[in-house]
Amino acid sequence: MNWDQIEGKWLQVKGSLKTQWGKLTDDDLNVIAGHRDKLVGKLQERYGYARDEAQRKADEWVKTAGEGSREPHYTQGR
């Protein structure tokens, strides 16, 4: 996925984000709303990451965010 897709499918992917970073609150998720810069800021705030580290982690997450939605986990490898 890319950030445009994340923003468009926010309701579907925000659970994945909450799983990845449990310190993010529901209010944080509502503020982030699929925006990369807001996620980076919240990661800095909640986890104490430097900006470049938060950006890297956010970009790593977005690359894998859609993997679960393409195919249910139990059918992988068929």
PDB file of N, CA and C in Angstrom:
ATOM      1  N   MET A   1       0.843  -1.185   0.000  1.00  0.00           N
ATOM      2  CA  MET A   1       0.000   0.000   0.000  1.00  0.00           C
ATOM      3  C   MET A   1       0.880   1.238   0.000  1.00  0.00           C
ATOM      4  N   ASN A   2       0.263   2.336  -0.395  1.00  0.00           N
ATOM      5  CA  ASN A   2       0.950   3.615  -0.282  1.00  0.00           C
ATOM      6  C   ASN A   2       0.101   4.523   0.613  1.00  0.00           C
ATOM      7  N   TRP A   3       0.587   5.716   0.881  1.00  0.00           N
ATOM      8  CA  TRP A   3      -0.101   6.585   1.838  1.00  0.00           C
ATOM      9  C   TRP A   3      -1.467   7.046   1.338  1.00  0.00           C
ATOM     10  N   ASP A   4      -1.643   7.202   0.028  1.00  0.00           N
ATOM     11  CA  ASP A   4      -2.967   7.557  -0.499  1.00  0.00           C
ATOM     12  C   ASP A   4      -3.968   6.443  -0.234  1.00  0.00           C
ATOM     13  N   GLN A   5      -3.525   5.197  -0.403  1.00  0.00           N
ATOM     14  CA  GLN A   5      -4.399   4.055  -0.139  1.00  0.00           C
ATOM     15  C   GLN A   5      -4.708   3.938   1.357  1.00  0.00           C
ATOM     16  N   ILE A   6      -3.706   4.191   2.178  1.00  0.00           N
ATOM     17  CA  ILE A   6      -3.917   4.137   3.630  1.00  0.00           C
ATOM     18  C   ILE A   6      -4.985   5.145   4.038  1.00  0.00           C
ATOM     19  N   GLU A   7      -4.878   6.352   3.517  1.00  0.00           N
ATOM     20  CA  GLU A   7      -5.857   7.388   3.864  1.00  0.00           C
ATOM     21  C   GLU A   7      -7.255   6.974   3.421  1.00  0.00           C
ATOM     22  N   GLY A   8      -7.366   6.385   2.230  1.00  0.00           N
ATOM     23  CA  GLY A   8      -8.666   5.972   1.710  1.00  0.00           C
ATOM     24  C   GLY A   8      -9.264   4.775   2.435  1.00  0.00           C
ATOM     25  N   LYS A   9      -8.421   3.933   3.004  1.00  0.00           N
ATOM     26  CA  LYS A   9      -8.884   2.719   3.690  1.00  0.00           C
ATOM     27  C   LYS A   9      -8.600   2.796   5.186  1.00  0.00           C
ATOM     28  N   TRP A  10      -8.601   3.994   5.726  1.00  0.00           N
ATOM     29  CA  TRP A  10      -8.189   4.204   7.105  1.00  0.00           C
ATOM     30  C   TRP A  10      -8.948   3.339   8.091  1.00  0.00           C
ATOM     31  N   LEU A  11     -10.259   3.247   7.937  1.00  0.00           N
ATOM     32  CA  LEU A  11     -11.043   2.461   8.901  1.00  0.00           C
ATOM     33  C   LEU A  11     -10.620   0.998   8.907  1.00  0.00           C
ATOM     34  N   GLN A  12     -10.207   0.478   7.744  1.00  0.00           N
ATOM     35  CA  GLN A  12      -9.796  -0.915   7.663  1.00  0.00           C
ATOM     36  C   GLN A  12      -8.389  -1.139   8.225  1.00  0.00           C
ATOM     37  N   VAL A  13      -7.491  -0.154   8.091  1.00  0.00           N
ATOM     38  CA  VAL A  13      -6.093  -0.390   8.456  1.00  0.00           C
ATOM     39  C   VAL A  13      -5.697   0.149   9.829  1.00  0.00           C
ATOM     40  N   LYS A  14      -6.538   0.963  10.441  1.00  0.00           N
ATOM     41  CA  LYS A  14      -6.107   1.540  11.714  1.00  0.00           C
ATOM     42  C   LYS A  14      -5.974   0.491  12.818  1.00  0.00           C
ATOM     43  N   GLY A  15      -6.680  -0.619  12.712  1.00  0.00           N
ATOM     44  CA  GLY A  15      -6.498  -1.706  13.672  1.00  0.00           C
ATOM     45  C   GLY A  15      -5.101  -2.298  13.594  1.00  0.00           C
ATOM     46  N   SER A  16      -4.577  -2.387  12.380  1.00  0.00           N
ATOM     47  CA  SER A  16      -3.210  -2.867  12.180  1.00  0.00           C
ATOM     48  C   SER A  16      -2.211  -1.911  12.820  1.00  0.00           C
ATOM     49  N   LEU A  17      -2.481  -0.639  12.704  1.00  0.00           N
ATOM     50  CA  LEU A  17      -1.605   0.366  13.310  1.00  0.00           C
ATOM     51  C   LEU A  17      -1.644   0.261  14.829  1.00  0.00           C
ATOM     52  N   LYS A  18      -2.821   0.070  15.385  1.00  0.00           N
ATOM     53  CA  LYS A  18      -2.979  -0.071  16.836  1.00  0.00           C
ATOM     54  C   LYS A  18      -2.256  -1.332  17.333  1.00  0.00           C
ATOM     55  N   THR A  19      -2.290  -2.400  16.533  1.00  0.00           N
ATOM     56  CA  THR A  19      -1.585  -3.622  16.891  1.00  0.00           C
ATOM     57  C   THR A  19      -0.081  -3.400  16.882  1.00  0.00           C
ATOM     58  N   GLN A  20       0.390  -2.677  15.879  1.00  0.00           N
ATOM     59  CA  GLN A  20       1.823  -2.399  15.744  1.00  0.00           C
ATOM     60  C   GLN A  20       2.326  -1.499  16.870  1.00  0.00           C
ATOM     61  N   TRP A  21       1.558  -0.453  17.181  1.00  0.00           N
ATOM     62  CA  TRP A  21       1.964   0.524  18.195  1.00  0.00           C
ATOM     63  C   TRP A  21       0.831   0.701  19.205  1.00  0.00           C
ATOM     64  N   GLY A  22       0.827  -0.141  20.220  1.00  0.00           N
ATOM     65  CA  GLY A  22      -0.238  -0.169  21.213  1.00  0.00           C
ATOM     66  C   GLY A  22      -0.346   1.073  22.080  1.00  0.00           C
ATOM     67  N   LYS A  23       0.692   1.890  22.108  1.00  0.00           N
ATOM     68  CA  LYS A  23       0.625   3.115  22.908  1.00  0.00           C
ATOM     69  C   LYS A  23      -0.208   4.198  22.249  1.00  0.00           C
ATOM     70  N   LEU A  24      -0.534   4.037  20.975  1.00  0.00           N
ATOM     71  CA  LEU A  24      -1.379   5.013  20.297  1.00  0.00           C
ATOM     72  C   LEU A  24      -2.810   4.856  20.794  1.00  0.00           C
ATOM     73  N   THR A  25      -3.413   5.949  21.183  1.00  0.00           N
ATOM     74  CA  THR A  25      -4.779   5.930  21.691  1.00  0.00           C
ATOM     75  C   THR A  25      -5.774   6.022  20.537  1.00  0.00           C
ATOM     76  N   ASP A  26      -7.033   5.775  20.839  1.00  0.00           N
ATOM     77  CA  ASP A  26      -8.073   5.949  19.825  1.00  0.00           C
ATOM     78  C   ASP A  26      -8.122   7.399  19.357  1.00  0.00           C
ATOM     79  N   ASP A  27      -7.919   8.338  20.272  1.00  0.00           N
ATOM     80  CA  ASP A  27      -7.861   9.750  19.883  1.00  0.00           C
ATOM     81  C   ASP A  27      -6.692  10.004  18.936  1.00  0.00           C
ATOM     82  N   ASP A  28      -5.532   9.388  19.219  1.00  0.00           N
ATOM     83  CA  ASP A  28      -4.377   9.514  18.322  1.00  0.00           C
ATOM     84  C   ASP A  28      -4.737   9.016  16.927  1.00  0.00           C
ATOM     85  N   LEU A  29      -5.401   7.863  16.864  1.00  0.00           N
ATOM     86  CA  LEU A  29      -5.766   7.287  15.572  1.00  0.00           C
ATOM     87  C   LEU A  29      -6.723   8.195  14.818  1.00  0.00           C
ATOM     88  N   ASN A  30      -7.632   8.841  15.542  1.00  0.00           N
ATOM     89  CA  ASN A  30      -8.551   9.775  14.899  1.00  0.00           C
ATOM     90  C   ASN A  30      -7.816  10.999  14.363  1.00  0.00           C
ATOM     91  N   VAL A  31      -6.801  11.451  15.077  1.00  0.00           N
ATOM     92  CA  VAL A  31      -5.998  12.593  14.622  1.00  0.00           C
ATOM     93  C   VAL A  31      -5.163  12.193  13.405  1.00  0.00           C
ATOM     94  N   ILE A  32      -4.555  11.017  13.456  1.00  0.00           N
ATOM     95  CA  ILE A  32      -3.688  10.549  12.372  1.00  0.00           C
ATOM     96  C   ILE A  32      -4.480  10.408  11.069  1.00  0.00           C
ATOM     97  N   ALA A  33      -5.606   9.731  11.136  1.00  0.00           N
ATOM     98  CA  ALA A  33      -6.538   9.585  10.007  1.00  0.00           C
ATOM     99  C   ALA A  33      -5.854   9.302   8.673  1.00  0.00           C
ATOM    100  N   GLY A  34      -4.802   8.486   8.691  1.00  0.00           N
ATOM    101  CA  GLY A  34      -4.143   8.090   7.457  1.00  0.00           C
ATOM    102  C   GLY A  34      -3.070   9.035   6.959  1.00  0.00           C
ATOM    103  N   HIS A  35      -2.745  10.068   7.715  1.00  0.00           N
ATOM    104  CA  HIS A  35      -1.747  11.044   7.291  1.00  0.00           C
ATOM    105  C   HIS A  35      -0.373  10.694   7.852  1.00  0.00           C
ATOM    106  N   ARG A  36       0.592  10.543   6.966  1.00  0.00           N
ATOM    107  CA  ARG A  36       1.945  10.134   7.343  1.00  0.00           C
ATOM    108  C   ARG A  36       2.569  11.086   8.351  1.00  0.00           C
ATOM    109  N   ASP A  37       2.485  12.383   8.090  1.00  0.00           N
ATOM    110  CA  ASP A  37       3.131  13.358   8.984  1.00  0.00           C
ATOM    111  C   ASP A  37       2.547  13.322  10.385  1.00  0.00           C
ATOM    112  N   LYS A  38       1.239  13.091  10.489  1.00  0.00           N
ATOM    113  CA  LYS A  38       0.614  13.015  11.812  1.00  0.00           C
ATOM    114  C   LYS A  38       1.014  11.734  12.534  1.00  0.00           C
ATOM    115  N   LEU A  39       1.126  10.633  11.792  1.00  0.00           N
ATOM    116  CA  LEU A  39       1.601   9.383  12.401  1.00  0.00           C
ATOM    117  C   LEU A  39       3.025   9.557  12.901  1.00  0.00           C
ATOM    118  N   VAL A  40       3.876  10.155  12.097  1.00  0.00           N
ATOM    119  CA  VAL A  40       5.271  10.363  12.493  1.00  0.00           C
ATOM    120  C   VAL A  40       5.328  11.188  13.780  1.00  0.00           C
ATOM    121  N   GLY A  41       4.534  12.241  13.860  1.00  0.00           N
ATOM    122  CA  GLY A  41       4.504  13.067  15.063  1.00  0.00           C
ATOM    123  C   GLY A  41       4.043  12.301  16.290  1.00  0.00           C
ATOM    124  N   LYS A  42       3.013  11.486  16.119  1.00  0.00           N
ATOM    125  CA  LYS A  42       2.513  10.702  17.254  1.00  0.00           C
ATOM    126  C   LYS A  42       3.509   9.633  17.679  1.00  0.00           C
ATOM    127  N   LEU A  43       4.239   9.041  16.736  1.00  0.00           N
ATOM    128  CA  LEU A  43       5.263   8.065  17.098  1.00  0.00           C
ATOM    129  C   LEU A  43       6.386   8.739  17.884  1.00  0.00           C
ATOM    130  N   GLN A  44       6.739   9.942  17.483  1.00  0.00           N
ATOM    131  CA  GLN A  44       7.747  10.689  18.228  1.00  0.00           C
ATOM    132  C   GLN A  44       7.249  10.976  19.648  1.00  0.00           C
ATOM    133  N   GLU A  45       6.018  11.397  19.743  1.00  0.00           N
ATOM    134  CA  GLU A  45       5.433  11.772  21.034  1.00  0.00           C
ATOM    135  C   GLU A  45       5.294  10.574  21.969  1.00  0.00           C
ATOM    136  N   ARG A  46       4.742   9.473  21.471  1.00  0.00           N
ATOM    137  CA  ARG A  46       4.444   8.317  22.327  1.00  0.00           C
ATOM    138  C   ARG A  46       5.650   7.411  22.593  1.00  0.00           C
ATOM    139  N   TYR A  47       6.568   7.330  21.613  1.00  0.00           N
ATOM    140  CA  TYR A  47       7.679   6.382  21.730  1.00  0.00           C
ATOM    141  C   TYR A  47       9.040   7.045  21.862  1.00  0.00           C
ATOM    142  N   GLY A  48       9.110   8.356  21.707  1.00  0.00           N
ATOM    143  CA  GLY A  48      10.371   9.058  21.844  1.00  0.00           C
ATOM    144  C   GLY A  48      11.325   8.848  20.679  1.00  0.00           C
ATOM    145  N   TYR A  49      10.794   8.419  19.529  1.00  0.00           N
ATOM    146  CA  TYR A  49      11.633   8.230  18.352  1.00  0.00           C
ATOM    147  C   TYR A  49      12.124   9.574  17.820  1.00  0.00           C
ATOM    148  N   ALA A  50      13.316   9.584  17.260  1.00  0.00           N
ATOM    149  CA  ALA A  50      13.770  10.737  16.486  1.00  0.00           C
ATOM    150  C   ALA A  50      12.917  10.799  15.216  1.00  0.00           C
ATOM    151  N   ARG A  51      12.830  11.976  14.611  1.00  0.00           N
ATOM    152  CA  ARG A  51      11.966  12.148  13.445  1.00  0.00           C
ATOM    153  C   ARG A  51      12.310  11.159  12.324  1.00  0.00           C
ATOM    154  N   ASP A  52      13.579  11.012  11.989  1.00  0.00           N
ATOM    155  CA  ASP A  52      13.941  10.109  10.889  1.00  0.00           C
ATOM    156  C   ASP A  52      13.624   8.653  11.219  1.00  0.00           C
ATOM    157  N   GLU A  53      13.774   8.260  12.477  1.00  0.00           N
ATOM    158  CA  GLU A  53      13.425   6.898  12.881  1.00  0.00           C
ATOM    159  C   GLU A  53      11.911   6.682  12.795  1.00  0.00           C
ATOM    160  N   ALA A  54      11.136   7.662  13.234  1.00  0.00           N
ATOM    161  CA  ALA A  54       9.672   7.574  13.156  1.00  0.00           C
ATOM    162  C   ALA A  54       9.222   7.498  11.698  1.00  0.00           C
ATOM    163  N   GLN A  55       9.852   8.276  10.830  1.00  0.00           N
ATOM    164  CA  GLN A  55       9.506   8.232   9.404  1.00  0.00           C
ATOM    165  C   GLN A  55       9.809   6.865   8.811  1.00  0.00           C
ATOM    166  N   ARG A  56      10.962   6.307   9.156  1.00  0.00           N
ATOM    167  CA  ARG A  56      11.347   4.993   8.649  1.00  0.00           C
ATOM    168  C   ARG A  56      10.372   3.922   9.119  1.00  0.00           C
ATOM    169  N   LYS A  57      10.032   3.954  10.403  1.00  0.00           N
ATOM    170  CA  LYS A  57       9.110   2.954  10.953  1.00  0.00           C
ATOM    171  C   LYS A  57       7.722   3.083  10.335  1.00  0.00           C
ATOM    172  N   ALA A  58       7.266   4.315  10.118  1.00  0.00           N
ATOM    173  CA  ALA A  58       5.962   4.539   9.483  1.00  0.00           C
ATOM    174  C   ALA A  58       5.963   3.996   8.055  1.00  0.00           C
ATOM    175  N   ASP A  59       7.035   4.243   7.335  1.00  0.00           N
ATOM    176  CA  ASP A  59       7.126   3.769   5.953  1.00  0.00           C
ATOM    177  C   ASP A  59       7.233   2.249   5.883  1.00  0.00           C
ATOM    178  N   GLU A  60       7.915   1.640   6.851  1.00  0.00           N
ATOM    179  CA  GLU A  60       7.968   0.175   6.913  1.00  0.00           C
ATOM    180  C   GLU A  60       6.575  -0.389   7.169  1.00  0.00           C
ATOM    181  N   TRP A  61       5.829   0.251   8.066  1.00  0.00           N
ATOM    182  CA  TRP A  61       4.479  -0.219   8.375  1.00  0.00           C
ATOM    183  C   TRP A  61       3.576  -0.128   7.148  1.00  0.00           C
ATOM    184  N   VAL A  62       3.643   0.997   6.425  1.00  0.00           N
ATOM    185  CA  VAL A  62       2.732   1.178   5.295  1.00  0.00           C
ATOM    186  C   VAL A  62       2.993   0.151   4.194  1.00  0.00           C
ATOM    187  N   LYS A  63       4.237  -0.311   4.063  1.00  0.00           N
ATOM    188  CA  LYS A  63       4.547  -1.334   3.062  1.00  0.00           C
ATOM    189  C   LYS A  63       3.855  -2.652   3.371  1.00  0.00           C
ATOM    190  N   THR A  64       3.653  -2.938   4.649  1.00  0.00           N
ATOM    191  CA  THR A  64       3.047  -4.210   5.042  1.00  0.00           C
ATOM    192  C   THR A  64       1.573  -4.087   5.420  1.00  0.00           C
ATOM    193  N   ALA A  65       1.048  -2.877   5.490  1.00  0.00           N
ATOM    194  CA  ALA A  65      -0.328  -2.667   5.977  1.00  0.00           C
ATOM    195  C   ALA A  65      -1.365  -3.382   5.129  1.00  0.00           C
ATOM    196  N   GLY A  66      -1.158  -3.487   3.846  1.00  0.00           N
ATOM    197  CA  GLY A  66      -2.147  -4.113   2.982  1.00  0.00           C
ATOM    198  C   GLY A  66      -1.987  -5.599   2.809  1.00  0.00           C
ATOM    199  N   GLU A  67      -0.922  -6.151   3.331  1.00  0.00           N
ATOM    200  CA  GLU A  67      -0.673  -7.573   3.113  1.00  0.00           C
ATOM    201  C   GLU A  67      -1.785  -8.448   3.659  1.00  0.00           C
ATOM    202  N   GLY A  68      -2.309  -8.132   4.806  1.00  0.00           N
ATOM    203  CA  GLY A  68      -3.368  -8.942   5.391  1.00  0.00           C
ATOM    204  C   GLY A  68      -4.691  -8.804   4.680  1.00  0.00           C
ATOM    205  N   SER A  69      -4.892  -7.696   3.968  1.00  0.00           N
ATOM    206  CA  SER A  69      -6.177  -7.486   3.322  1.00  0.00           C
ATOM    207  C   SER A  69      -6.245  -8.108   1.934  1.00  0.00           C
ATOM    208  N   ARG A  70      -5.104  -8.480   1.352  1.00  0.00           N
ATOM    209  CA  ARG A  70      -5.116  -9.080   0.024  1.00  0.00           C
ATOM    210  C   ARG A  70      -5.635 -10.505   0.060  1.00  0.00           C
ATOM    211  N   GLU A  71      -5.279 -11.222   1.084  1.00  0.00           N
ATOM    212  CA  GLU A  71      -5.609 -12.634   1.170  1.00  0.00           C
ATOM    213  C   GLU A  71      -5.687 -13.028   2.644  1.00  0.00           C
ATOM    214  N   PRO A  72      -6.726 -13.727   3.045  1.00  0.00           N
ATOM    215  CA  PRO A  72      -6.789 -14.148   4.453  1.00  0.00           C
ATOM    216  C   PRO A  72      -5.574 -14.971   4.822  1.00  0.00           C
ATOM    217  N   HIS A  73      -5.131 -14.827   6.050  1.00  0.00           N
ATOM    218  CA  HIS A  73      -3.901 -15.478   6.530  1.00  0.00           C
ATOM    219  C   HIS A  73      -3.944 -16.988   6.356  1.00  0.00           C
ATOM    220  N   TYR A  74      -5.088 -17.610   6.589  1.00  0.00           N
ATOM    221  CA  TYR A  74      -5.176 -19.050   6.563  1.00  0.00           C
ATOM    222  C   TYR A  74      -5.064 -19.640   5.160  1.00  0.00           C
ATOM    223  N   THR A  75      -5.142 -18.822   4.103  1.00  0.00           N
ATOM    224  CA  THR A  75      -5.055 -19.364   2.748  1.00  0.00           C
ATOM    225  C   THR A  75      -3.714 -19.084   2.096  1.00  0.00           C
ATOM    226  N   GLN A  76      -2.806 -18.449   2.796  1.00  0.00           N
ATOM    227  CA  GLN A  76      -1.512 -18.152   2.201  1.00  0.00           C
ATOM    228  C   GLN A  76      -0.807 -19.435   1.807  1.00  0.00           C
ATOM    229  N   GLY A  77      -0.148 -19.381   0.656  1.00  0.00           N
ATOM    230  CA  GLY A  77       0.598 -20.517   0.190  1.00  0.00           C
ATOM    231  C   GLY A  77      -0.198 -21.470  -0.694  1.00  0.00           C
ATOM    232  N   ARG A  78      -1.440 -21.164  -0.937  1.00  0.00           N
ATOM    233  CA  ARG A  78      -2.258 -22.028  -1.809  1.00  0.00           C
ATOM    234  C   ARG A  78      -2.015 -21.719  -3.248  1.00  0.00           C
TER     235      ARG A  78
END
